[in-house]
């Protein structure tokens, strides 16, 4: 992380998250939090399209489109399943 950088923590955590502020303060990092909304999704998609964010490492689970309830259950139990993003595929 570069000095003066921004970290946007958007989403849901299944368990407590630890931030080491003793390491971050000197880097002048700005941390924001929030829910996924109508601004966040288009911005994220633009960053992915531009190649600035690689979404592959965040996809922790893949579920067939016909198993939508399994996908929701997996994400809903993220603390147990370690799900970050559940990708539904054809």
Protein backbone atom coordinates (compact mmCIF):
# COMPACT_ATOMS: atom_id res chain seq x y z
CA UNK A 1 0.00 0.00 0.00
CA UNK A 2 1.45 3.34 -1.01
CA UNK A 3 1.53 6.37 1.29
CA UNK A 4 -1.63 8.42 1.01
CA UNK A 5 -3.55 5.48 -0.43
CA UNK A 6 -7.20 4.64 0.03
CA UNK A 7 -8.70 1.34 1.09
CA UNK A 8 -12.42 0.80 0.55
CA UNK A 9 -13.80 -2.01 2.66
CA UNK A 10 -17.15 -2.71 1.06
CA UNK A 11 -19.15 -5.73 2.03
CA UNK A 12 -19.98 -8.04 4.87
CA UNK A 13 -17.62 -9.75 7.30
CA UNK A 14 -18.39 -13.10 8.79
CA UNK A 15 -16.05 -12.49 11.71
CA UNK A 16 -14.12 -9.62 13.34
CA UNK A 17 -11.49 -7.88 11.22
CA UNK A 18 -8.26 -6.63 12.75
CA UNK A 19 -6.63 -3.45 11.51
CA UNK A 20 -3.11 -2.64 12.63
CA UNK A 21 -3.43 1.12 12.95
CA UNK A 22 0.08 1.27 14.40
CA UNK A 23 1.32 0.30 10.92
CA UNK A 24 -1.16 2.34 8.89
CA UNK A 25 -1.04 5.79 10.50
CA UNK A 26 2.44 6.66 9.19
CA UNK A 27 1.32 5.80 5.67
CA UNK A 28 -1.56 8.31 5.83
CA UNK A 29 -4.01 5.67 4.64
CA UNK A 30 -7.70 6.52 4.32
CA UNK A 31 -10.03 3.63 5.13
CA UNK A 32 -13.70 3.77 4.21
CA UNK A 33 -16.42 1.25 4.89
CA UNK A 34 -19.88 0.76 3.49
CA UNK A 35 -22.45 -1.45 1.92
CA UNK A 36 -22.57 -2.32 -1.76
CA UNK A 37 -24.75 0.30 -3.42
CA UNK A 38 -25.57 1.85 -6.80
CA UNK A 39 -22.32 3.85 -6.77
CA UNK A 40 -20.01 1.07 -5.63
CA UNK A 41 -20.89 -1.58 -8.23
CA UNK A 42 -20.37 0.60 -11.35
CA UNK A 43 -17.13 1.97 -9.89
CA UNK A 44 -15.87 -1.52 -9.11
CA UNK A 45 -16.82 -2.79 -12.59
CA UNK A 46 -15.00 0.17 -14.19
CA UNK A 47 -11.85 -0.64 -12.19
CA UNK A 48 -12.05 -4.32 -13.19
CA UNK A 49 -12.64 -3.43 -16.85
CA UNK A 50 -9.67 -1.03 -16.80
CA UNK A 51 -7.48 -3.80 -15.39
CA UNK A 52 -6.84 -1.93 -12.14
CA UNK A 53 -8.43 -4.66 -9.99
CA UNK A 54 -8.11 -8.39 -10.59
CA UNK A 55 -11.33 -9.99 -9.27
CA UNK A 56 -10.06 -13.57 -9.54
CA UNK A 57 -8.40 -13.76 -6.08
CA UNK A 58 -11.63 -12.64 -4.43
CA UNK A 59 -13.73 -15.42 -5.95
CA UNK A 60 -13.58 -18.09 -3.29
CA UNK A 61 -16.53 -20.25 -4.36
CA UNK A 62 -18.21 -21.19 -7.64
CA UNK A 63 -21.78 -22.46 -7.74
CA UNK A 64 -23.96 -23.42 -10.70
CA UNK A 65 -26.67 -20.86 -11.48
CA UNK A 66 -29.31 -23.49 -10.75
CA UNK A 67 -27.96 -23.79 -7.19
CA UNK A 68 -28.67 -20.19 -6.23
CA UNK A 69 -29.83 -21.17 -2.75
CA UNK A 70 -26.50 -22.92 -2.15
CA UNK A 71 -24.71 -19.73 -3.19
CA UNK A 72 -26.77 -17.61 -0.79
CA UNK A 73 -26.27 -20.12 2.00
CA UNK A 74 -22.52 -20.23 1.40
CA UNK A 75 -22.23 -16.44 1.48
CA UNK A 76 -24.60 -16.16 4.43
CA UNK A 77 -22.30 -18.43 6.44
CA UNK A 78 -19.09 -16.68 5.36
CA UNK A 79 -17.49 -17.09 8.79
CA UNK A 80 -17.78 -20.86 8.41
CA UNK A 81 -17.24 -21.19 4.65
CA UNK A 82 -14.56 -18.47 4.28
CA UNK A 83 -16.56 -17.06 1.37
CA UNK A 84 -15.47 -13.69 0.03
CA UNK A 85 -17.30 -13.78 -3.30
CA UNK A 86 -19.49 -16.57 -4.61
CA UNK A 87 -19.52 -16.72 -8.40
CA UNK A 88 -22.62 -18.22 -9.99
CA UNK A 89 -21.85 -19.91 -13.29
CA UNK A 90 -23.89 -21.46 -16.09
